[in-house]
Amino acid sequence: MRRRFKSRTGIRPVSIERIVHHSTSMAVRRALHFVVKVGHRDPTVSFYRDILAMKILRHEEFEEGCKASCNGPYDGKWSKTMVGYGPEDNHFVVELTYNYGIGGYRLGNDFLGITIQSSEAICKVRQHGWPIVQEAAGAIVVEAPGGYKFHLLDKPQPKNADPVQKVTLGVSNLERAHHYWTELCGMNLYGQEKRSILLGYTEDQCKLELRDVSQAIDHGTAFGRIAFACPRVQLPTIQETMENQQQTVLTPLLSLDTPGKATVEVVIVADPDGHEICFVGDESFRQLSYPDPTADHMLNEAMEADKSDEWFLQTGKQKQQV
């Protein structure tokens, strides 16, 4: 059961003691991944694997919906595929969520893109003839199947650092968002412009950019979720803080099982614009997220066994579009 705690008047002031406590404990938090829902798994995987040149880090199949709505408000069979440029311990990755039988999702104005430094990826875009949505000096914009935007910077891909630079989300009120993410989520401010701010937990992590779009945020049906790790001991405090501040708690402290892997604990909240934020206990997540050398093979097997596209084509029916 989801519980929601929401203020009618906005975010209340936070005590100096709590701010000091947060500022001294946030350095151990880290940005993990962003969740995207995909309607057609095969071409989506090809984009991340062949165009962006990401690795398949792990793949997991589930027979029923997630207790924390990781796959959205769906109860059926689904899969999770983590893709990125290196281990989840020190790389920000993308979680591809595939709900069997659903062929597409409507995008909103909430997710504005992921920025990656990789001239190598730009070369692959041109080699494969992948459509370029926008091009400027030193950068291009491409779209993954489903419409998710990626901003590619024309600089060599770093060898000893994460190529993923930032995730950009739209907000309707930049001042309110700034307050929420810094004071309640404990993020640090790394940059500020008239209509955007750049946040993070440490200098060497992927950053979160919040950009004022001057309108209400529409999450569509493709609404994503950003995840951060923290010491497990901080999870009850995060929930308590949000409840005390009358903010939205989507999923109170909950254990999530993955067959054959570690059980993790999460608290899932939402900011004033409805962006879903998952805080997960770091200790068990490191065990869960260890790269699986069989992930590529498992994913390929799952895609080969998935005959849904073929069945829909043969019957003249279409996958559900939500």
Protein backbone atom coordinates (compact mmCIF):
# COMPACT_ATOMS: atom_id res chain seq x y z
CA MET A 1 0.00 0.00 0.00
CA ARG A 2 1.36 3.41 -0.93
CA ARG A 3 1.18 6.24 1.57
CA ARG A 4 1.37 9.89 0.60
CA PHE A 5 2.24 12.78 2.88
CA LYS A 6 1.91 16.09 1.13
CA SER A 7 1.98 19.67 2.30
CA ARG A 8 -0.68 22.08 1.12
CA THR A 9 1.55 25.06 1.70
CA GLY A 10 4.90 23.76 0.46
CA ILE A 11 8.08 22.69 2.21
CA ARG A 12 8.44 23.70 5.84
CA PRO A 13 11.73 25.06 7.21
CA VAL A 14 14.23 22.41 8.32
CA SER A 15 16.08 22.80 11.62
CA ILE A 16 19.74 23.85 11.56
CA GLU A 17 20.59 20.68 13.49
CA ARG A 18 19.04 18.49 10.78
CA ILE A 19 20.82 20.41 8.01
CA VAL A 20 24.17 19.97 9.75
CA HIS A 21 23.46 16.26 10.22
CA HIS A 22 22.60 15.92 6.54
CA SER A 23 25.63 17.87 5.31
CA THR A 24 28.02 15.62 7.25
CA SER A 25 26.41 12.34 6.18
CA MET A 26 25.55 12.85 2.49
CA ALA A 27 29.04 12.30 1.11
CA VAL A 28 28.51 8.55 1.43
CA ARG A 29 25.46 8.70 -0.82
CA ARG A 30 25.87 8.04 -4.52
CA ALA A 31 23.87 8.34 -7.72
CA LEU A 32 22.95 4.91 -9.11
CA HIS A 33 20.66 4.83 -12.13
CA PHE A 34 17.64 6.17 -13.96
CA VAL A 35 14.75 3.87 -14.84
CA VAL A 36 13.22 4.01 -18.33
CA LYS A 37 10.32 1.92 -19.58
CA VAL A 38 10.80 0.34 -23.01
CA GLY A 39 8.12 -0.97 -25.32
CA HIS A 40 10.25 -2.83 -27.88
CA ARG A 41 13.16 -4.49 -26.17
CA ASP A 42 15.20 -5.73 -29.12
CA PRO A 43 15.79 -2.38 -30.89
CA THR A 44 16.21 -0.66 -27.53
CA VAL A 45 18.96 -3.06 -26.47
CA SER A 46 20.65 -2.63 -29.86
CA PHE A 47 20.69 1.15 -29.36
CA TYR A 48 22.36 1.01 -25.97
CA ARG A 49 24.70 -1.82 -26.92
CA ASP A 50 25.65 -0.87 -30.48
CA ILE A 51 25.17 2.92 -30.67
CA LEU A 52 26.05 4.10 -27.17
CA ALA A 53 28.44 1.15 -26.73
CA MET A 54 27.22 0.40 -23.21
CA LYS A 55 27.69 -2.97 -21.55
CA ILE A 56 24.95 -5.29 -20.34
CA LEU A 57 25.78 -5.40 -16.63
CA ARG A 58 22.96 -7.63 -15.37
CA HIS A 59 19.60 -8.94 -16.52
CA GLU A 60 16.74 -10.17 -14.35
CA GLU A 61 13.33 -11.65 -15.20
CA PHE A 62 10.30 -11.39 -12.90
CA GLU A 63 7.01 -13.28 -13.10
CA GLU A 64 4.92 -10.62 -11.35
CA GLY A 65 4.95 -6.89 -10.72
CA CYS A 66 7.31 -5.27 -8.24
CA LYS A 67 6.05 -4.47 -4.73
CA ALA A 68 7.62 -1.03 -5.07
CA SER A 69 6.20 -0.46 -8.58
CA CYS A 70 9.70 -0.64 -10.08
CA ASN A 71 8.09 -1.66 -13.39
CA GLY A 72 5.23 0.84 -13.05
CA PRO A 73 1.61 0.04 -12.13
CA TYR A 74 1.64 -3.34 -13.86
CA ASP A 75 1.16 -6.76 -12.31
CA GLY A 76 2.41 -9.03 -15.08
CA LYS A 77 5.71 -10.47 -16.21
CA TRP A 78 8.55 -7.97 -16.68
CA SER A 79 12.32 -7.73 -16.94
CA LYS A 80 15.05 -5.40 -15.76
CA THR A 81 18.28 -4.84 -17.70
CA MET A 82 21.07 -2.64 -16.33
CA VAL A 83 23.27 -1.03 -19.00
CA GLY A 84 26.25 1.26 -18.54
CA TYR A 85 29.94 1.89 -19.10
CA GLY A 86 31.20 0.02 -16.07
CA PRO A 87 30.33 -1.51 -12.69
CA GLU A 88 27.44 0.04 -10.78
CA ASP A 89 29.76 0.65 -7.83
CA ASN A 90 31.26 3.65 -9.63
CA HIS A 91 29.16 4.25 -12.76
CA PHE A 92 25.73 5.76 -13.28
CA VAL A 93 23.70 3.35 -15.40
CA VAL A 94 20.33 3.04 -17.10
CA GLU A 95 17.71 0.53 -15.99
CA LEU A 96 15.66 -0.73 -18.93
CA THR A 97 12.27 -1.91 -17.66
CA TYR A 98 10.31 -4.06 -20.08
CA ASN A 99 6.71 -5.07 -19.38
CA TYR A 100 5.71 -8.01 -21.56
CA GLY A 101 2.76 -7.16 -23.80
CA ILE A 102 3.12 -3.37 -23.60
CA GLY A 103 4.44 -1.86 -26.80
CA GLY A 104 4.92 1.79 -25.90
CA TYR A 105 4.54 4.58 -23.38
CA ARG A 106 3.66 8.25 -23.67
CA LEU A 107 6.50 10.63 -22.80
CA GLY A 108 5.92 13.80 -20.82
CA ASN A 109 8.11 16.83 -20.15
CA ASP A 110 9.68 15.36 -17.01
CA PHE A 111 12.75 13.62 -18.47
CA LEU A 112 14.89 15.98 -20.56
CA GLY A 113 17.85 13.75 -21.27
CA ILE A 114 21.11 12.13 -20.18
CA THR A 115 24.43 13.74 -21.10
CA ILE A 116 27.35 11.49 -22.02
CA GLN A 117 30.92 12.46 -22.88
CA SER A 118 31.88 10.17 -25.73
CA SER A 119 33.19 11.08 -29.17
CA GLU A 120 33.31 7.31 -29.70
CA ALA A 121 29.52 7.11 -29.37
CA ILE A 122 29.15 9.98 -31.84
CA CYS A 123 31.27 8.02 -34.33
CA LYS A 124 29.00 5.00 -33.89
CA VAL A 125 25.92 7.19 -34.42
CA ARG A 126 27.32 8.32 -37.76
CA GLN A 127 28.59 4.86 -38.75
CA HIS A 128 25.17 3.30 -38.17
CA GLY A 129 23.29 6.20 -39.72
CA TRP A 130 21.32 6.73 -36.53
CA PRO A 131 19.09 9.83 -36.79
CA ILE A 132 20.52 12.96 -35.18
CA VAL A 133 17.76 15.05 -33.63
CA GLN A 134 19.89 18.12 -33.00
CA GLU A 135 23.48 19.11 -33.70
CA ALA A 136 25.58 21.94 -32.34
CA ALA A 137 29.27 22.71 -31.96
CA GLY A 138 30.78 19.91 -29.94
CA ALA A 139 27.58 17.97 -29.26
CA ILE A 140 24.69 16.07 -30.82
CA VAL A 141 21.33 14.86 -29.53
CA VAL A 142 19.95 11.42 -30.39
CA GLU A 143 16.85 9.56 -29.29
CA ALA A 144 16.64 5.98 -28.10
CA PRO A 145 13.66 3.91 -29.28
CA GLY A 146 10.74 5.31 -27.33
CA GLY A 147 11.98 8.89 -27.56
CA TYR A 148 14.40 9.19 -24.63
CA LYS A 149 17.00 11.87 -25.43
CA PHE A 150 20.75 11.50 -25.08
CA HIS A 151 23.10 14.48 -25.36
CA LEU A 152 26.49 13.30 -26.62
CA LEU A 153 29.53 15.53 -26.07
CA ASP A 154 32.24 15.32 -28.72
CA LYS A 155 35.13 14.66 -26.35
CA PRO A 156 37.08 11.44 -25.84
CA GLN A 157 35.34 9.02 -23.54
CA PRO A 158 37.17 9.09 -20.18
CA LYS A 159 39.00 5.87 -19.35
CA ASN A 160 39.18 6.25 -15.57
CA ALA A 161 35.90 8.04 -14.93
CA ASP A 162 32.23 7.64 -15.76
CA PRO A 163 31.30 9.01 -19.21
CA VAL A 164 27.75 9.76 -17.95
CA GLN A 165 27.87 13.40 -16.90
CA LYS A 166 24.34 14.28 -15.82
CA VAL A 167 20.64 13.50 -15.90
CA THR A 168 18.32 16.42 -16.65
CA LEU A 169 14.79 16.62 -15.27
CA GLY A 170 12.17 19.30 -15.78
CA VAL A 171 10.70 21.18 -12.82
CA SER A 172 7.88 23.69 -12.58
CA ASN A 173 9.39 25.85 -9.81
CA LEU A 174 13.18 25.99 -9.62
CA GLU A 175 13.35 27.64 -6.20
CA ARG A 176 11.08 25.02 -4.66
CA ALA A 177 12.97 22.19 -6.35
CA HIS A 178 16.30 23.63 -5.17
CA HIS A 179 15.04 23.66 -1.58
CA TYR A 180 13.68 20.10 -1.74
CA TRP A 181 16.70 18.44 -3.31
CA THR A 182 19.34 20.23 -1.23
CA GLU A 183 17.71 20.49 2.18
CA LEU A 184 15.58 17.34 2.23
CA CYS A 185 17.64 15.07 -0.06
CA GLY A 186 20.95 16.55 1.05
CA MET A 187 22.45 17.21 -2.38
CA ASN A 188 25.16 19.79 -2.97
CA LEU A 189 24.93 22.65 -5.45
CA TYR A 190 27.60 22.45 -8.17
CA GLY A 191 26.31 25.02 -10.65
CA GLN A 192 23.51 27.48 -11.18
CA GLU A 193 22.12 29.39 -14.14
CA LYS A 194 19.00 31.48 -14.54
CA ARG A 195 16.76 28.52 -15.34
CA SER A 196 18.70 25.50 -14.08
CA ILE A 197 20.77 24.14 -11.22
CA LEU A 198 23.32 21.32 -11.11
CA LEU A 199 23.29 19.06 -8.05
CA GLY A 200 25.21 16.04 -6.79
CA TYR A 201 26.55 14.23 -3.76
CA THR A 202 30.24 14.31 -4.70
CA GLU A 203 32.34 15.91 -7.41
CA ASP A 204 33.15 12.65 -9.20
CA GLN A 205 29.57 11.36 -9.50
CA CYS A 206 26.97 11.81 -12.22
CA LYS A 207 25.08 15.04 -11.53
CA LEU A 208 21.38 15.86 -11.47
CA GLU A 209 20.39 18.93 -13.48
CA LEU A 210 17.00 20.49 -12.73
CA ARG A 211 15.68 22.77 -15.45
CA ASP A 212 12.71 25.09 -15.06
CA VAL A 213 10.23 24.42 -17.87
CA SER A 214 7.76 27.07 -16.63
CA GLN A 215 4.77 24.75 -16.79
CA ALA A 216 3.25 21.87 -14.88
CA ILE A 217 5.25 18.66 -15.10
CA ASP A 218 3.61 15.89 -17.11
CA HIS A 219 5.08 12.44 -16.45
CA GLY A 220 3.08 10.75 -19.19
CA THR A 221 2.88 6.98 -18.78
CA ALA A 222 6.62 6.55 -19.25
CA PHE A 223 7.46 8.26 -15.96
CA GLY A 224 10.89 7.22 -14.77
CA ARG A 225 12.62 7.02 -11.42
CA ILE A 226 16.06 8.11 -10.25
CA ALA A 227 17.89 6.00 -7.67
CA PHE A 228 20.50 6.80 -5.05
CA ALA A 229 22.34 4.57 -2.59
CA CYS A 230 22.80 5.45 1.06
CA PRO A 231 23.87 3.53 4.17
CA ARG A 232 20.98 1.34 5.21
CA VAL A 233 20.84 3.09 8.58
CA GLN A 234 19.78 6.33 6.86
CA LEU A 235 16.63 4.88 5.28
CA PRO A 236 14.32 5.32 8.31
CA THR A 237 15.59 8.88 8.74
CA ILE A 238 14.85 9.72 5.11
CA GLN A 239 11.30 8.45 5.51
CA GLU A 240 10.85 10.30 8.81
CA THR A 241 12.17 13.53 7.33
CA MET A 242 9.76 13.40 4.41
CA GLU A 243 6.82 12.56 6.64
CA ASN A 244 7.67 15.35 9.08
CA GLN A 245 7.93 17.80 6.20
CA GLN A 246 4.60 16.55 4.83
CA GLN A 247 6.22 15.41 1.60
CA THR A 248 5.18 12.46 -0.56
CA VAL A 249 6.31 8.99 0.52
CA LEU A 250 5.37 6.55 -2.24
CA THR A 251 6.82 3.42 -0.62
CA PRO A 252 7.71 3.34 3.08
CA LEU A 253 10.72 1.23 4.10
CA LEU A 254 10.36 -2.05 2.23
CA SER A 255 12.45 -5.13 1.42
CA LEU A 256 12.67 -6.19 -2.22
CA ASP A 257 13.72 -9.68 -3.30
CA THR A 258 15.50 -10.63 -6.50
CA PRO A 259 15.58 -14.39 -7.19
CA GLY A 260 19.03 -15.79 -6.46
CA LYS A 261 20.44 -12.43 -5.42
CA ALA A 262 20.64 -10.12 -2.42
CA THR A 263 17.53 -8.61 -0.83
CA VAL A 264 17.62 -4.82 -0.73
CA GLU A 265 15.72 -2.27 1.32
CA VAL A 266 14.28 0.90 -0.17
CA VAL A 267 12.36 4.05 0.65
CA ILE A 268 10.74 5.70 -2.36
CA VAL A 269 9.63 9.32 -2.27
CA ALA A 270 8.52 11.95 -4.78
CA ASP A 271 9.52 15.59 -5.07
CA PRO A 272 6.94 18.40 -5.39
CA ASP A 273 6.80 17.81 -9.17
CA GLY A 274 6.19 14.09 -8.78
CA HIS A 275 9.67 12.88 -9.76
CA GLU A 276 10.12 9.48 -8.16
CA ILE A 277 13.26 9.05 -6.05
CA CYS A 278 14.41 5.67 -4.76
CA PHE A 279 16.84 5.54 -1.84
CA VAL A 280 18.29 2.04 -1.45
CA GLY A 281 20.51 0.59 1.27
CA ASP A 282 24.03 0.66 -0.11
CA GLU A 283 25.45 -2.41 1.59
CA SER A 284 23.02 -4.93 0.09
CA PHE A 285 22.73 -3.06 -3.21
CA ARG A 286 26.46 -3.52 -3.82
CA GLN A 287 25.91 -7.26 -3.53
CA LEU A 288 22.84 -7.19 -5.78
CA SER A 289 24.49 -5.04 -8.45
CA TYR A 290 27.70 -6.99 -8.89
CA PRO A 291 28.27 -7.33 -12.68
CA ASP A 292 27.00 -10.64 -14.02
CA PRO A 293 29.27 -12.13 -16.72
CA THR A 294 26.29 -14.10 -18.05
CA ALA A 295 24.05 -11.03 -18.39
CA ASP A 296 24.52 -10.68 -22.16
CA HIS A 297 23.67 -14.34 -22.68
CA MET A 298 20.65 -14.18 -20.34
CA LEU A 299 19.29 -11.13 -22.12
CA ASN A 300 19.77 -12.67 -25.55
CA GLU A 301 17.99 -15.83 -24.41
CA ALA A 302 15.10 -13.81 -22.99
CA MET A 303 14.71 -11.83 -26.21
CA GLU A 304 14.85 -15.01 -28.29
CA ALA A 305 12.19 -16.64 -26.12
CA ASP A 306 9.94 -13.57 -26.24
CA LYS A 307 7.66 -14.24 -29.22
CA SER A 308 5.18 -11.50 -28.36
CA ASP A 309 6.10 -9.23 -31.29
CA GLU A 310 5.82 -12.18 -33.68
CA TRP A 311 2.46 -13.23 -32.20
CA PHE A 312 1.00 -9.73 -32.45
CA LEU A 313 2.19 -9.48 -36.07
CA GLN A 314 0.69 -12.82 -37.04
CA THR A 315 -2.66 -12.11 -35.41
CA GLY A 316 -2.90 -8.60 -36.80
CA LYS A 317 -3.23 -7.20 -33.30
CA GLN A 318 -1.11 -4.55 -31.66
CA LYS A 319 0.69 -4.42 -28.36
CA GLN A 320 -0.94 -2.25 -25.76
CA GLN A 321 0.10 1.40 -25.91
CA VAL A 322 -0.26 3.14 -22.56
